[in-house]
Amino acid sequence: MFARHHPHGCAGMYIMWAIADEGDADMVDSTTPPLFPSLCVWRAVMILANRALDRRVKRVETREQLAGVAPKLATTIAGVKELQVAVQRDLSTMFDNRVVNILGDINTI
């Protein structure tokens, strides 16, 4: 007895009977009703359960990565803001102490 793949990819859905009789093999045709219809459902449930578990693991890993990056990001933002103030101050001294404002994406940080 050999398992044949179901057209939807469910292994074990149909059973082929190989009867070796002097080199000839008789098989049940594909129109035979499935002997184990619950196998297809079980396989789908297992696939979905594995995907859900993988997503949970990835979600936890992502949260851990973000928790590790947050302090570095805060330090970098503070450094960029200090640099912006220093550049504005230096430009101000170059232009007779006029107020200088740097415009653009740097202000959205």
C-alpha atoms as a PDB file:
ATOM      1  CA  MET A   1       0.000   0.000   0.000  1.00  0.00           C
ATOM      2  CA  PHE A   2       1.451   3.381  -1.030  1.00  0.00           C
ATOM      3  CA  ALA A   3       0.227   6.873  -0.226  1.00  0.00           C
ATOM      4  CA  ARG A   4      -0.437   9.133  -3.165  1.00  0.00           C
ATOM      5  CA  HIS A   5      -0.605  12.910  -2.967  1.00  0.00           C
ATOM      6  CA  HIS A   6      -4.009  14.514  -3.042  1.00  0.00           C
ATOM      7  CA  PRO A   7      -4.495  17.111  -5.836  1.00  0.00           C
ATOM      8  CA  HIS A   8      -4.458  19.850  -3.184  1.00  0.00           C
ATOM      9  CA  GLY A   9      -1.183  18.609  -1.754  1.00  0.00           C
ATOM     10  CA  CYS A  10      -2.541  16.579   1.155  1.00  0.00           C
ATOM     11  CA  ALA A  11      -0.499  13.434   1.561  1.00  0.00           C
ATOM     12  CA  GLY A  12      -2.389  10.277   2.354  1.00  0.00           C
ATOM     13  CA  MET A  13      -5.693  11.473   0.976  1.00  0.00           C
ATOM     14  CA  TYR A  14      -5.994   8.613  -1.458  1.00  0.00           C
ATOM     15  CA  ILE A  15      -4.516   5.149  -1.131  1.00  0.00           C
ATOM     16  CA  MET A  16      -3.092   3.206  -4.008  1.00  0.00           C
ATOM     17  CA  TRP A  17      -3.086  -0.519  -3.717  1.00  0.00           C
ATOM     18  CA  ALA A  18      -0.160  -2.027  -5.496  1.00  0.00           C
ATOM     19  CA  ILE A  19      -0.715  -5.674  -5.956  1.00  0.00           C
ATOM     20  CA  ALA A  20       2.330  -7.245  -7.447  1.00  0.00           C
ATOM     21  CA  ASP A  21       1.130 -10.130  -9.508  1.00  0.00           C
ATOM     22  CA  GLU A  22       3.847 -11.308 -11.845  1.00  0.00           C
ATOM     23  CA  GLY A  23       5.080  -7.780 -12.458  1.00  0.00           C
ATOM     24  CA  ASP A  24       1.647  -6.179 -12.944  1.00  0.00           C
ATOM     25  CA  ALA A  25       0.243  -3.649 -10.480  1.00  0.00           C
ATOM     26  CA  ASP A  26      -3.403  -2.751 -10.120  1.00  0.00           C
ATOM     27  CA  MET A  27      -4.265   0.635  -8.642  1.00  0.00           C
ATOM     28  CA  VAL A  28      -7.395   2.305  -7.414  1.00  0.00           C
ATOM     29  CA  ASP A  29      -8.239   5.129  -9.817  1.00  0.00           C
ATOM     30  CA  SER A  30      -8.348   8.792  -8.814  1.00  0.00           C
ATOM     31  CA  THR A  31     -12.148   8.812  -8.685  1.00  0.00           C
ATOM     32  CA  THR A  32     -12.109   6.692  -5.531  1.00  0.00           C
ATOM     33  CA  PRO A  33     -13.431   8.730  -2.588  1.00  0.00           C
ATOM     34  CA  PRO A  34     -10.858   9.738  -0.006  1.00  0.00           C
ATOM     35  CA  LEU A  35     -10.311   7.246   2.765  1.00  0.00           C
ATOM     36  CA  PHE A  36      -8.919   9.780   5.234  1.00  0.00           C
ATOM     37  CA  PRO A  37     -10.537  13.195   4.572  1.00  0.00           C
ATOM     38  CA  SER A  38      -9.506  14.497   7.987  1.00  0.00           C
ATOM     39  CA  LEU A  39      -5.810  14.259   7.074  1.00  0.00           C
ATOM     40  CA  CYS A  40      -6.150  17.212   4.735  1.00  0.00           C
ATOM     41  CA  VAL A  41      -7.797  19.286   7.462  1.00  0.00           C
ATOM     42  CA  TRP A  42      -5.234  18.169  10.040  1.00  0.00           C
ATOM     43  CA  ARG A  43      -2.372  19.129   7.703  1.00  0.00           C
ATOM     44  CA  ALA A  44      -3.888  22.569   7.110  1.00  0.00           C
ATOM     45  CA  VAL A  45      -4.345  23.105  10.856  1.00  0.00           C
ATOM     46  CA  MET A  46      -0.742  22.107  11.529  1.00  0.00           C
ATOM     47  CA  ILE A  47       0.545  24.452   8.827  1.00  0.00           C
ATOM     48  CA  LEU A  48      -1.462  27.352  10.248  1.00  0.00           C
ATOM     49  CA  ALA A  49      -0.330  26.551  13.794  1.00  0.00           C
ATOM     50  CA  ASN A  50       3.312  26.499  12.703  1.00  0.00           C
ATOM     51  CA  ARG A  51       2.915  29.804  10.875  1.00  0.00           C
ATOM     52  CA  ALA A  52       1.295  31.380  13.937  1.00  0.00           C
ATOM     53  CA  LEU A  53       4.128  30.137  16.129  1.00  0.00           C
ATOM     54  CA  ASP A  54       6.721  31.483  13.677  1.00  0.00           C
ATOM     55  CA  ARG A  55       5.006  34.875  13.685  1.00  0.00           C
ATOM     56  CA  ARG A  56       4.929  34.954  17.491  1.00  0.00           C
ATOM     57  CA  VAL A  57       8.635  34.158  17.636  1.00  0.00           C
ATOM     58  CA  LYS A  58       9.432  36.841  15.049  1.00  0.00           C
ATOM     59  CA  ARG A  59       7.293  39.364  16.938  1.00  0.00           C
ATOM     60  CA  VAL A  60       9.208  38.690  20.172  1.00  0.00           C
ATOM     61  CA  GLU A  61      12.551  38.937  18.366  1.00  0.00           C
ATOM     62  CA  THR A  62      11.526  42.245  16.784  1.00  0.00           C
ATOM     63  CA  ARG A  63      10.472  43.659  20.150  1.00  0.00           C
ATOM     64  CA  GLU A  64      13.826  42.660  21.639  1.00  0.00           C
ATOM     65  CA  GLN A  65      15.667  44.310  18.757  1.00  0.00           C
ATOM     66  CA  LEU A  66      13.648  47.508  19.128  1.00  0.00           C
ATOM     67  CA  ALA A  67      14.279  47.565  22.863  1.00  0.00           C
ATOM     68  CA  GLY A  68      18.016  47.351  22.175  1.00  0.00           C
ATOM     69  CA  VAL A  69      17.943  50.060  19.510  1.00  0.00           C
ATOM     70  CA  ALA A  70      15.823  52.618  21.391  1.00  0.00           C
ATOM     71  CA  PRO A  71      18.622  53.889  23.700  1.00  0.00           C
ATOM     72  CA  LYS A  72      21.028  54.159  20.758  1.00  0.00           C
ATOM     73  CA  LEU A  73      18.430  56.068  18.760  1.00  0.00           C
ATOM     74  CA  ALA A  74      17.795  58.479  21.639  1.00  0.00           C
ATOM     75  CA  THR A  75      21.541  59.117  21.963  1.00  0.00           C
ATOM     76  CA  THR A  76      21.884  59.694  18.214  1.00  0.00           C
ATOM     77  CA  ILE A  77      18.948  62.123  18.137  1.00  0.00           C
ATOM     78  CA  ALA A  78      20.397  64.085  21.044  1.00  0.00           C
ATOM     79  CA  GLY A  79      23.751  64.264  19.271  1.00  0.00           C
ATOM     80  CA  VAL A  80      22.153  65.489  16.035  1.00  0.00           C
ATOM     81  CA  LYS A  81      20.227  68.200  17.884  1.00  0.00           C
ATOM     82  CA  GLU A  82      23.430  69.374  19.600  1.00  0.00           C
ATOM     83  CA  LEU A  83      25.203  69.439  16.250  1.00  0.00           C
ATOM     84  CA  GLN A  84      22.351  71.459  14.728  1.00  0.00           C
ATOM     85  CA  VAL A  85      22.590  74.063  17.504  1.00  0.00           C
ATOM     86  CA  ALA A  86      26.389  74.235  17.115  1.00  0.00           C
ATOM     87  CA  VAL A  87      26.151  74.719  13.335  1.00  0.00           C
ATOM     88  CA  GLN A  88      23.478  77.418  13.754  1.00  0.00           C
ATOM     89  CA  ARG A  89      25.665  79.195  16.304  1.00  0.00           C
ATOM     90  CA  ASP A  90      28.757  79.045  14.040  1.00  0.00           C
ATOM     91  CA  LEU A  91      26.800  80.291  11.029  1.00  0.00           C
ATOM     92  CA  SER A  92      25.370  83.079  13.146  1.00  0.00           C
ATOM     93  CA  THR A  93      28.880  84.299  14.029  1.00  0.00           C
ATOM     94  CA  MET A  94      29.815  84.243  10.337  1.00  0.00           C
ATOM     95  CA  PHE A  95      26.831  86.486   9.445  1.00  0.00           C
ATOM     96  CA  ASP A  96      27.251  89.290  12.001  1.00  0.00           C
ATOM     97  CA  ASN A  97      25.370  87.445  14.782  1.00  0.00           C
ATOM     98  CA  ARG A  98      22.142  87.258  12.799  1.00  0.00           C
ATOM     99  CA  VAL A  99      19.732  84.499  13.775  1.00  0.00           C
ATOM    100  CA  VAL A 100      20.255  81.377  11.648  1.00  0.00           C
ATOM    101  CA  ASN A 101      17.717  78.585  11.457  1.00  0.00           C
ATOM    102  CA  ILE A 102      18.440  75.354   9.660  1.00  0.00           C
ATOM    103  CA  LEU A 103      15.327  74.214   7.831  1.00  0.00           C
ATOM    104  CA  GLY A 104      14.381  70.813   6.468  1.00  0.00           C
ATOM    105  CA  ASP A 105      14.054  67.231   7.583  1.00  0.00           C
ATOM    106  CA  ILE A 106      16.427  67.689  10.482  1.00  0.00           C
ATOM    107  CA  ASN A 107      13.628  69.457  12.372  1.00  0.00           C
ATOM    108  CA  THR A 108      11.335  66.420  12.104  1.00  0.00           C
ATOM    109  CA  ILE A 109      13.666  64.259  14.183  1.00  0.00           C
END
